[in-house]
Amino acid sequence: KDVSYYRYTSAFVNDLYAGFDGRKFENLRVTGASLGGGLAILTGAITGASAVSISGLNAMYSRRTFDPPITKEQLDTRVFNVIPDRDIIARIDQPGMLYQRTQCRGPKNSLFACHSMWRSLCELQYQCGSNGRPINCWCTSKYGYPAPLTNGTLTWEEACADAPE
């Protein structure tokens, strides 16, 4: 029980729902990636908070092992997980109904290249667009995504020259 971190995160979210510092919270979201994504999935299912996970461990098969047990409906309605191709961690257990499988452009010979929150963010921006905003500079420099077309006075390389890595 001491290492069941979902109990602590669920208690924290329930405390926020009950009221904190004189304020009552009604609409909470829990997010995380990898192990934090798994915690977000469990916390969201248990408390009713909306949960968004990137490469999180799923919980459909193991849902009855938690205290309190989690229902299929809780996982199907409160939890969203991004599951990249070839991400071995995000393929542990089964996801609920709300998930998005994405491509992974990481090296095929790298065991954990696809288990990257940052690479997943780049993939989502590349595939889904960024609503007119440029993608992060490190998507091109670190992960090899194509640079956007220039539509102003600066080239992509000039715009990213001073960007933090």
C-alpha atoms as a PDB file:
ATOM      1  CA  LYS A   1       0.000   0.000   0.000  1.00  0.00           C
ATOM      2  CA  ASP A   2       2.924   2.383   0.633  1.00  0.00           C
ATOM      3  CA  VAL A   3       3.939   2.267  -3.033  1.00  0.00           C
ATOM      4  CA  SER A   4       0.425   2.589  -4.434  1.00  0.00           C
ATOM      5  CA  TYR A   5       1.001   6.164  -5.579  1.00  0.00           C
ATOM      6  CA  TYR A   6      -2.401   6.330  -7.258  1.00  0.00           C
ATOM      7  CA  ARG A   7      -3.906   6.413  -3.761  1.00  0.00           C
ATOM      8  CA  TYR A   8      -2.036   9.649  -2.988  1.00  0.00           C
ATOM      9  CA  THR A   9      -2.872  11.307  -6.315  1.00  0.00           C
ATOM     10  CA  SER A  10      -6.516  10.237  -6.037  1.00  0.00           C
ATOM     11  CA  ALA A  11      -6.738  11.555  -2.472  1.00  0.00           C
ATOM     12  CA  PHE A  12      -5.216  14.865  -3.608  1.00  0.00           C
ATOM     13  CA  VAL A  13      -7.748  15.252  -6.437  1.00  0.00           C
ATOM     14  CA  ASN A  14     -10.616  14.334  -4.087  1.00  0.00           C
ATOM     15  CA  ASP A  15      -9.339  16.945  -1.613  1.00  0.00           C
ATOM     16  CA  LEU A  16      -9.443  19.561  -4.384  1.00  0.00           C
ATOM     17  CA  TYR A  17     -13.004  18.533  -5.238  1.00  0.00           C
ATOM     18  CA  ALA A  18     -13.953  18.856  -1.551  1.00  0.00           C
ATOM     19  CA  GLY A  19     -12.437  22.332  -1.337  1.00  0.00           C
ATOM     20  CA  PHE A  20      -8.992  23.787  -0.829  1.00  0.00           C
ATOM     21  CA  ASP A  21      -8.003  27.218   0.463  1.00  0.00           C
ATOM     22  CA  GLY A  22     -11.622  28.301   0.517  1.00  0.00           C
ATOM     23  CA  ARG A  23     -12.236  27.301  -3.106  1.00  0.00           C
ATOM     24  CA  LYS A  24     -14.159  24.366  -4.477  1.00  0.00           C
ATOM     25  CA  PHE A  25     -12.915  22.807  -7.696  1.00  0.00           C
ATOM     26  CA  GLU A  26     -15.413  21.162 -10.006  1.00  0.00           C
ATOM     27  CA  ASN A  27     -13.601  20.590 -13.296  1.00  0.00           C
ATOM     28  CA  LEU A  28     -10.154  19.022 -12.898  1.00  0.00           C
ATOM     29  CA  ARG A  29      -7.828  17.411 -15.420  1.00  0.00           C
ATOM     30  CA  VAL A  30      -4.977  15.076 -14.641  1.00  0.00           C
ATOM     31  CA  THR A  31      -2.111  14.604 -17.089  1.00  0.00           C
ATOM     32  CA  GLY A  32       1.069  12.593 -17.251  1.00  0.00           C
ATOM     33  CA  ALA A  33       3.513  10.691 -19.399  1.00  0.00           C
ATOM     34  CA  SER A  34       4.907   7.180 -18.946  1.00  0.00           C
ATOM     35  CA  LEU A  35       4.545   6.201 -15.264  1.00  0.00           C
ATOM     36  CA  GLY A  36       2.909   9.592 -14.626  1.00  0.00           C
ATOM     37  CA  GLY A  37       0.499   8.775 -17.447  1.00  0.00           C
ATOM     38  CA  GLY A  38      -0.411   5.519 -15.744  1.00  0.00           C
ATOM     39  CA  LEU A  39      -1.028   7.449 -12.519  1.00  0.00           C
ATOM     40  CA  ALA A  40      -3.173   9.937 -14.425  1.00  0.00           C
ATOM     41  CA  ILE A  41      -5.200   7.071 -15.912  1.00  0.00           C
ATOM     42  CA  LEU A  42      -5.848   5.512 -12.502  1.00  0.00           C
ATOM     43  CA  THR A  43      -6.482   8.842 -10.781  1.00  0.00           C
ATOM     44  CA  GLY A  44      -8.894   9.998 -13.462  1.00  0.00           C
ATOM     45  CA  ALA A  45     -10.816   6.740 -13.444  1.00  0.00           C
ATOM     46  CA  ILE A  46     -11.083   6.634  -9.639  1.00  0.00           C
ATOM     47  CA  THR A  47     -11.960  10.300  -9.037  1.00  0.00           C
ATOM     48  CA  GLY A  48     -13.914  11.161 -12.171  1.00  0.00           C
ATOM     49  CA  ALA A  49     -11.384  13.820 -13.235  1.00  0.00           C
ATOM     50  CA  SER A  50     -10.618  13.905 -16.944  1.00  0.00           C
ATOM     51  CA  ALA A  51      -7.247  12.257 -17.607  1.00  0.00           C
ATOM     52  CA  VAL A  52      -4.898  12.681 -20.566  1.00  0.00           C
ATOM     53  CA  SER A  53      -1.873  10.437 -20.811  1.00  0.00           C
ATOM     54  CA  ILE A  54       0.997  10.135 -23.262  1.00  0.00           C
ATOM     55  CA  SER A  55       2.542   6.656 -23.318  1.00  0.00           C
ATOM     56  CA  GLY A  56       0.856   5.749 -20.052  1.00  0.00           C
ATOM     57  CA  LEU A  57       0.429   2.224 -18.768  1.00  0.00           C
ATOM     58  CA  ASN A  58      -3.131   1.124 -19.459  1.00  0.00           C
ATOM     59  CA  ALA A  59      -5.400  -0.517 -16.891  1.00  0.00           C
ATOM     60  CA  MET A  60      -8.276  -2.378 -18.574  1.00  0.00           C
ATOM     61  CA  TYR A  61      -7.159  -5.915 -17.682  1.00  0.00           C
ATOM     62  CA  SER A  62      -5.778  -4.959 -14.272  1.00  0.00           C
ATOM     63  CA  ARG A  63      -8.634  -2.624 -13.260  1.00  0.00           C
ATOM     64  CA  ARG A  64     -10.069  -4.978 -10.638  1.00  0.00           C
ATOM     65  CA  THR A  65      -6.753  -5.254  -8.776  1.00  0.00           C
ATOM     66  CA  PHE A  66      -6.862  -1.651  -7.565  1.00  0.00           C
ATOM     67  CA  ASP A  67      -8.460  -0.397  -4.373  1.00  0.00           C
ATOM     68  CA  PRO A  68     -11.122   0.652  -5.048  1.00  0.00           C
ATOM     69  CA  PRO A  69     -11.601  -1.540  -8.131  1.00  0.00           C
ATOM     70  CA  ILE A  70     -12.002   0.423 -11.366  1.00  0.00           C
ATOM     71  CA  THR A  71     -14.884  -0.254 -13.725  1.00  0.00           C
ATOM     72  CA  LYS A  72     -14.703  -0.544 -17.491  1.00  0.00           C
ATOM     73  CA  GLU A  73     -17.050   2.434 -17.728  1.00  0.00           C
ATOM     74  CA  GLN A  74     -14.680   4.604 -15.682  1.00  0.00           C
ATOM     75  CA  LEU A  75     -11.797   3.821 -18.043  1.00  0.00           C
ATOM     76  CA  ASP A  76     -13.974   4.184 -21.144  1.00  0.00           C
ATOM     77  CA  THR A  77     -15.331   7.628 -20.220  1.00  0.00           C
ATOM     78  CA  ARG A  78     -12.709   9.526 -18.166  1.00  0.00           C
ATOM     79  CA  VAL A  79      -9.342   8.496 -19.654  1.00  0.00           C
ATOM     80  CA  PHE A  80      -7.529   9.329 -22.924  1.00  0.00           C
ATOM     81  CA  ASN A  81      -4.138   7.809 -23.784  1.00  0.00           C
ATOM     82  CA  VAL A  82      -1.790   8.555 -26.704  1.00  0.00           C
ATOM     83  CA  ILE A  83      -0.157   5.257 -27.756  1.00  0.00           C
ATOM     84  CA  PRO A  84       2.770   5.580 -30.187  1.00  0.00           C
ATOM     85  CA  ASP A  85       3.710   2.694 -32.501  1.00  0.00           C
ATOM     86  CA  ARG A  86       6.459   0.498 -31.063  1.00  0.00           C
ATOM     87  CA  ASP A  87       6.132   2.022 -27.570  1.00  0.00           C
ATOM     88  CA  ILE A  88       6.424  -1.073 -25.404  1.00  0.00           C
ATOM     89  CA  ILE A  89       5.378   0.697 -22.191  1.00  0.00           C
ATOM     90  CA  ALA A  90       2.135   2.119 -23.621  1.00  0.00           C
ATOM     91  CA  ARG A  91       1.244  -1.352 -24.898  1.00  0.00           C
ATOM     92  CA  ILE A  92       1.179  -2.852 -21.407  1.00  0.00           C
ATOM     93  CA  ASP A  93      -2.412  -3.853 -20.595  1.00  0.00           C
ATOM     94  CA  GLN A  94      -5.357  -2.725 -22.744  1.00  0.00           C
ATOM     95  CA  PRO A  95      -6.585   0.878 -23.120  1.00  0.00           C
ATOM     96  CA  GLY A  96     -10.114   2.062 -22.551  1.00  0.00           C
ATOM     97  CA  MET A  97     -12.223   3.262 -25.483  1.00  0.00           C
ATOM     98  CA  LEU A  98     -10.596   6.718 -25.636  1.00  0.00           C
ATOM     99  CA  TYR A  99      -7.111   6.459 -27.104  1.00  0.00           C
ATOM    100  CA  GLN A 100      -5.146   7.556 -30.140  1.00  0.00           C
ATOM    101  CA  ARG A 101      -2.507   5.426 -31.800  1.00  0.00           C
ATOM    102  CA  THR A 102       0.197   7.491 -33.492  1.00  0.00           C
ATOM    103  CA  GLN A 103       3.111   6.805 -35.778  1.00  0.00           C
ATOM    104  CA  CYS A 104       6.623   6.839 -34.415  1.00  0.00           C
ATOM    105  CA  ARG A 105       9.401   8.048 -36.673  1.00  0.00           C
ATOM    106  CA  GLY A 106      12.101   6.990 -34.222  1.00  0.00           C
ATOM    107  CA  PRO A 107      14.842   4.560 -35.217  1.00  0.00           C
ATOM    108  CA  LYS A 108      13.459   1.049 -35.570  1.00  0.00           C
ATOM    109  CA  ASN A 109      16.485  -0.417 -33.786  1.00  0.00           C
ATOM    110  CA  SER A 110      15.969   1.690 -30.638  1.00  0.00           C
ATOM    111  CA  LEU A 111      13.973   0.021 -27.873  1.00  0.00           C
ATOM    112  CA  PHE A 112      12.771   3.263 -26.264  1.00  0.00           C
ATOM    113  CA  ALA A 113      12.847   5.773 -29.158  1.00  0.00           C
ATOM    114  CA  CYS A 114       9.060   5.728 -29.326  1.00  0.00           C
ATOM    115  CA  HIS A 115       8.592   6.130 -25.564  1.00  0.00           C
ATOM    116  CA  SER A 116       9.170   9.878 -25.639  1.00  0.00           C
ATOM    117  CA  MET A 117       6.617  12.462 -24.640  1.00  0.00           C
ATOM    118  CA  TRP A 118       8.495  15.038 -26.741  1.00  0.00           C
ATOM    119  CA  ARG A 119       8.598  12.871 -29.864  1.00  0.00           C
ATOM    120  CA  SER A 120       4.859  12.176 -29.394  1.00  0.00           C
ATOM    121  CA  LEU A 121       4.167  15.915 -29.144  1.00  0.00           C
ATOM    122  CA  CYS A 122       6.096  16.480 -32.395  1.00  0.00           C
ATOM    123  CA  GLU A 123       4.177  13.671 -34.099  1.00  0.00           C
ATOM    124  CA  LEU A 124       0.825  15.117 -33.006  1.00  0.00           C
ATOM    125  CA  GLN A 125       1.803  18.585 -34.252  1.00  0.00           C
ATOM    126  CA  TYR A 126       3.101  17.170 -37.527  1.00  0.00           C
ATOM    127  CA  GLN A 127       0.070  14.959 -38.229  1.00  0.00           C
ATOM    128  CA  CYS A 128      -2.714  17.099 -36.785  1.00  0.00           C
ATOM    129  CA  GLY A 129      -1.313  20.571 -37.377  1.00  0.00           C
ATOM    130  CA  SER A 130      -0.601  23.284 -34.897  1.00  0.00           C
ATOM    131  CA  ASN A 131      -3.444  25.658 -35.721  1.00  0.00           C
ATOM    132  CA  GLY A 132      -1.193  28.028 -37.648  1.00  0.00           C
ATOM    133  CA  ARG A 133       1.501  28.129 -34.985  1.00  0.00           C
ATOM    134  CA  PRO A 134       4.950  26.802 -35.845  1.00  0.00           C
ATOM    135  CA  ILE A 135       6.033  23.446 -34.499  1.00  0.00           C
ATOM    136  CA  ASN A 136       8.733  23.368 -31.836  1.00  0.00           C
ATOM    137  CA  CYS A 137      12.234  23.950 -33.198  1.00  0.00           C
ATOM    138  CA  TRP A 138      13.556  20.763 -31.610  1.00  0.00           C
ATOM    139  CA  CYS A 139      11.038  18.712 -33.607  1.00  0.00           C
ATOM    140  CA  THR A 140      13.200  19.414 -36.647  1.00  0.00           C
ATOM    141  CA  SER A 141      16.630  19.563 -34.993  1.00  0.00           C
ATOM    142  CA  LYS A 142      16.326  16.605 -32.615  1.00  0.00           C
ATOM    143  CA  TYR A 143      13.746  14.335 -34.238  1.00  0.00           C
ATOM    144  CA  GLY A 144      14.139  15.106 -37.947  1.00  0.00           C
ATOM    145  CA  TYR A 145      10.660  16.398 -38.729  1.00  0.00           C
ATOM    146  CA  PRO A 146      10.545  18.605 -41.828  1.00  0.00           C
ATOM    147  CA  ALA A 147      10.812  22.353 -41.287  1.00  0.00           C
ATOM    148  CA  PRO A 148       7.632  24.289 -42.056  1.00  0.00           C
ATOM    149  CA  LEU A 149       7.424  26.423 -45.166  1.00  0.00           C
ATOM    150  CA  THR A 150       8.579  29.990 -44.699  1.00  0.00           C
ATOM    151  CA  ASN A 151       5.680  32.443 -44.719  1.00  0.00           C
ATOM    152  CA  GLY A 152       7.400  35.528 -43.356  1.00  0.00           C
ATOM    153  CA  THR A 153      10.721  37.265 -43.478  1.00  0.00           C
ATOM    154  CA  LEU A 154      12.686  34.691 -41.437  1.00  0.00           C
ATOM    155  CA  THR A 155      13.686  31.221 -42.509  1.00  0.00           C
ATOM    156  CA  TRP A 156      12.968  28.358 -40.131  1.00  0.00           C
ATOM    157  CA  GLU A 157      16.680  28.089 -39.358  1.00  0.00           C
ATOM    158  CA  GLU A 158      16.874  31.823 -38.497  1.00  0.00           C
ATOM    159  CA  ALA A 159      13.765  31.641 -36.337  1.00  0.00           C
ATOM    160  CA  CYS A 160      15.147  28.655 -34.413  1.00  0.00           C
ATOM    161  CA  ALA A 161      18.728  29.928 -34.089  1.00  0.00           C
ATOM    162  CA  ASP A 162      18.114  31.404 -30.634  1.00  0.00           C
ATOM    163  CA  ALA A 163      15.516  28.868 -29.474  1.00  0.00           C
ATOM    164  CA  PRO A 164      16.345  26.896 -26.323  1.00  0.00           C
ATOM    165  CA  GLU A 165      17.020  23.203 -26.827  1.00  0.00           C
END
